[in-house]
């Protein structure tokens, strides 16, 4: 099992706004100092709990996979 490298307390984060099927999403990508992607967050604006939970799980899976 690989060692987990924690992200620094201060890190570069990029936020992208995306609209899919009329739903507005915000994708936040945090990076290590050398530019590698460290974690991904997906926020859904003005939506129900099911879609928000699904996006949260998807983002966690991507972050763990990194």
N, C-alpha and C. Protein backbone atom coordinates (compact mmCIF):
# COMPACT_ATOMS: atom_id res chain seq x y z
N UNK A 1 0.85 -1.17 0.00
CA UNK A 1 0.00 0.00 0.00
C UNK A 1 0.89 1.24 0.00
N UNK A 2 0.64 2.18 -0.90
CA UNK A 2 1.48 3.38 -0.98
C UNK A 2 1.30 4.28 0.23
N UNK A 3 2.32 5.06 0.52
CA UNK A 3 2.25 6.03 1.62
C UNK A 3 1.46 7.25 1.16
N UNK A 4 0.60 7.73 2.03
CA UNK A 4 -0.18 8.92 1.72
C UNK A 4 0.65 10.15 2.05
N UNK A 5 0.75 11.03 1.09
CA UNK A 5 1.50 12.27 1.27
C UNK A 5 0.49 13.40 1.52
N UNK A 6 0.48 13.96 2.72
CA UNK A 6 -0.50 15.01 3.02
C UNK A 6 -0.24 16.27 2.21
N UNK A 7 -1.31 16.94 1.87
CA UNK A 7 -1.19 18.22 1.17
C UNK A 7 -0.69 19.28 2.15
N UNK A 8 0.05 20.26 1.66
CA UNK A 8 0.46 21.36 2.54
C UNK A 8 -0.75 22.17 3.00
N UNK A 9 -0.62 22.85 4.13
CA UNK A 9 -1.73 23.66 4.65
C UNK A 9 -2.12 24.76 3.67
N UNK A 10 -1.15 25.37 3.02
CA UNK A 10 -1.42 26.38 1.98
C UNK A 10 -1.08 25.74 0.65
N UNK A 11 -2.07 25.70 -0.25
CA UNK A 11 -1.87 25.03 -1.53
C UNK A 11 -2.63 25.76 -2.62
N UNK A 12 -2.21 25.53 -3.85
CA UNK A 12 -2.91 26.11 -5.00
C UNK A 12 -4.17 25.31 -5.27
N UNK A 13 -5.28 26.02 -5.44
CA UNK A 13 -6.54 25.38 -5.75
C UNK A 13 -7.17 26.10 -6.93
N UNK A 14 -7.66 25.33 -7.89
CA UNK A 14 -8.33 25.88 -9.06
C UNK A 14 -9.80 25.52 -8.97
N UNK A 15 -10.67 26.50 -9.22
CA UNK A 15 -12.12 26.27 -9.21
C UNK A 15 -12.66 26.50 -10.61
N UNK A 16 -13.43 25.53 -11.08
CA UNK A 16 -14.04 25.61 -12.40
C UNK A 16 -15.55 25.45 -12.26
N UNK A 17 -16.30 26.34 -12.87
CA UNK A 17 -17.76 26.24 -12.85
C UNK A 17 -18.20 25.51 -14.12
N UNK A 18 -19.06 24.52 -13.96
CA UNK A 18 -19.53 23.69 -15.06
C UNK A 18 -21.04 23.58 -14.97
N UNK A 19 -21.73 23.58 -16.09
CA UNK A 19 -23.17 23.35 -16.11
C UNK A 19 -23.44 22.07 -16.90
N UNK A 20 -24.09 21.12 -16.25
CA UNK A 20 -24.43 19.84 -16.89
C UNK A 20 -25.91 19.58 -16.66
N UNK A 21 -26.65 19.46 -17.74
CA UNK A 21 -28.08 19.17 -17.64
C UNK A 21 -28.84 20.18 -16.82
N UNK A 22 -28.44 21.43 -16.86
CA UNK A 22 -29.12 22.47 -16.11
C UNK A 22 -28.68 22.59 -14.66
N UNK A 23 -27.78 21.72 -14.22
CA UNK A 23 -27.25 21.79 -12.85
C UNK A 23 -25.88 22.47 -12.88
N UNK A 24 -25.68 23.42 -11.98
CA UNK A 24 -24.41 24.11 -11.90
C UNK A 24 -23.52 23.40 -10.90
N UNK A 25 -22.32 23.03 -11.34
CA UNK A 25 -21.35 22.34 -10.50
C UNK A 25 -20.10 23.20 -10.36
N UNK A 26 -19.43 23.06 -9.25
CA UNK A 26 -18.13 23.69 -9.05
C UNK A 26 -17.14 22.58 -8.76
N UNK A 27 -16.07 22.52 -9.55
CA UNK A 27 -15.04 21.51 -9.39
C UNK A 27 -13.79 22.22 -8.85
N UNK A 28 -13.37 21.83 -7.64
CA UNK A 28 -12.16 22.39 -7.02
C UNK A 28 -11.07 21.34 -7.06
N UNK A 29 -9.90 21.72 -7.57
CA UNK A 29 -8.77 20.81 -7.67
C UNK A 29 -7.61 21.43 -6.89
N UNK A 30 -7.14 20.73 -5.86
CA UNK A 30 -5.99 21.19 -5.06
C UNK A 30 -4.75 20.46 -5.52
N UNK A 31 -3.62 21.18 -5.49
CA UNK A 31 -2.38 20.63 -6.02
C UNK A 31 -1.26 20.69 -4.98
N UNK A 32 -0.32 19.74 -5.15
CA UNK A 32 0.92 19.79 -4.37
C UNK A 32 1.79 20.91 -4.94
N UNK A 33 2.87 21.24 -4.25
CA UNK A 33 3.75 22.32 -4.68
C UNK A 33 4.38 22.05 -6.04
N UNK A 34 4.57 20.77 -6.39
CA UNK A 34 5.19 20.44 -7.68
C UNK A 34 4.17 20.34 -8.81
N UNK A 35 2.89 20.65 -8.55
CA UNK A 35 1.87 20.67 -9.58
C UNK A 35 1.03 19.42 -9.70
N UNK A 36 1.35 18.38 -8.94
CA UNK A 36 0.55 17.16 -8.98
C UNK A 36 -0.81 17.41 -8.32
N UNK A 37 -1.85 16.78 -8.87
CA UNK A 37 -3.19 16.91 -8.30
C UNK A 37 -3.25 16.10 -7.01
N UNK A 38 -3.76 16.71 -5.95
CA UNK A 38 -3.82 16.05 -4.66
C UNK A 38 -5.22 15.67 -4.21
N UNK A 39 -6.21 16.50 -4.55
CA UNK A 39 -7.59 16.18 -4.17
C UNK A 39 -8.55 16.92 -5.08
N UNK A 40 -9.76 16.39 -5.16
CA UNK A 40 -10.80 16.96 -6.02
C UNK A 40 -12.09 17.06 -5.20
N UNK A 41 -12.74 18.21 -5.28
CA UNK A 41 -14.04 18.40 -4.65
C UNK A 41 -15.03 18.81 -5.72
N UNK A 42 -16.24 18.29 -5.63
CA UNK A 42 -17.32 18.67 -6.54
C UNK A 42 -18.47 19.19 -5.69
N UNK A 43 -18.85 20.44 -5.93
CA UNK A 43 -19.97 21.05 -5.21
C UNK A 43 -21.11 21.27 -6.19
N UNK A 44 -22.32 20.93 -5.78
CA UNK A 44 -23.50 21.10 -6.61
C UNK A 44 -24.33 22.22 -6.01
N UNK A 45 -24.72 23.17 -6.85
CA UNK A 45 -25.47 24.33 -6.38
C UNK A 45 -26.97 24.07 -6.52
N UNK A 46 -27.72 24.41 -5.48
CA UNK A 46 -29.18 24.37 -5.51
C UNK A 46 -29.74 23.05 -6.01
N UNK A 47 -29.43 21.98 -5.30
CA UNK A 47 -29.91 20.68 -5.73
C UNK A 47 -30.27 19.83 -4.52
N UNK A 48 -30.89 18.71 -4.77
CA UNK A 48 -31.30 17.81 -3.70
C UNK A 48 -30.14 17.03 -3.12
N UNK A 49 -30.43 16.33 -2.04
CA UNK A 49 -29.40 15.59 -1.31
C UNK A 49 -28.83 14.41 -2.07
N UNK A 50 -29.65 13.76 -2.89
CA UNK A 50 -29.18 12.58 -3.62
C UNK A 50 -28.07 12.93 -4.60
N UNK A 51 -28.27 13.95 -5.41
CA UNK A 51 -27.26 14.35 -6.38
C UNK A 51 -26.02 14.86 -5.68
N UNK A 52 -26.21 15.64 -4.63
CA UNK A 52 -25.06 16.17 -3.89
C UNK A 52 -24.24 15.04 -3.28
N UNK A 53 -24.91 14.03 -2.72
CA UNK A 53 -24.20 12.90 -2.13
C UNK A 53 -23.46 12.10 -3.19
N UNK A 54 -24.08 11.91 -4.35
CA UNK A 54 -23.43 11.19 -5.44
C UNK A 54 -22.18 11.91 -5.91
N UNK A 55 -22.25 13.22 -6.07
CA UNK A 55 -21.08 13.99 -6.49
C UNK A 55 -19.98 13.95 -5.43
N UNK A 56 -20.37 13.97 -4.16
CA UNK A 56 -19.40 13.90 -3.08
C UNK A 56 -18.65 12.57 -3.10
N UNK A 57 -19.38 11.49 -3.31
CA UNK A 57 -18.74 10.16 -3.38
C UNK A 57 -17.82 10.07 -4.58
N UNK A 58 -18.24 10.59 -5.72
CA UNK A 58 -17.41 10.56 -6.92
C UNK A 58 -16.12 11.33 -6.71
N UNK A 59 -16.20 12.50 -6.09
CA UNK A 59 -15.00 13.31 -5.84
C UNK A 59 -14.08 12.61 -4.86
N UNK A 60 -14.63 11.98 -3.86
CA UNK A 60 -13.79 11.25 -2.88
C UNK A 60 -13.07 10.08 -3.54
N UNK A 61 -13.76 9.37 -4.43
CA UNK A 61 -13.13 8.27 -5.14
C UNK A 61 -11.95 8.74 -5.98
N UNK A 62 -12.13 9.86 -6.66
CA UNK A 62 -11.04 10.41 -7.47
C UNK A 62 -9.88 10.83 -6.58
N UNK A 63 -10.18 11.49 -5.47
CA UNK A 63 -9.12 11.95 -4.56
C UNK A 63 -8.35 10.78 -3.96
N UNK A 64 -9.04 9.74 -3.56
CA UNK A 64 -8.37 8.56 -2.99
C UNK A 64 -7.53 7.88 -4.07
N UNK A 65 -8.03 7.84 -5.29
CA UNK A 65 -7.30 7.22 -6.38
C UNK A 65 -6.03 7.97 -6.74
N UNK A 66 -5.97 9.25 -6.44
CA UNK A 66 -4.77 10.03 -6.73
C UNK A 66 -3.68 9.69 -5.76
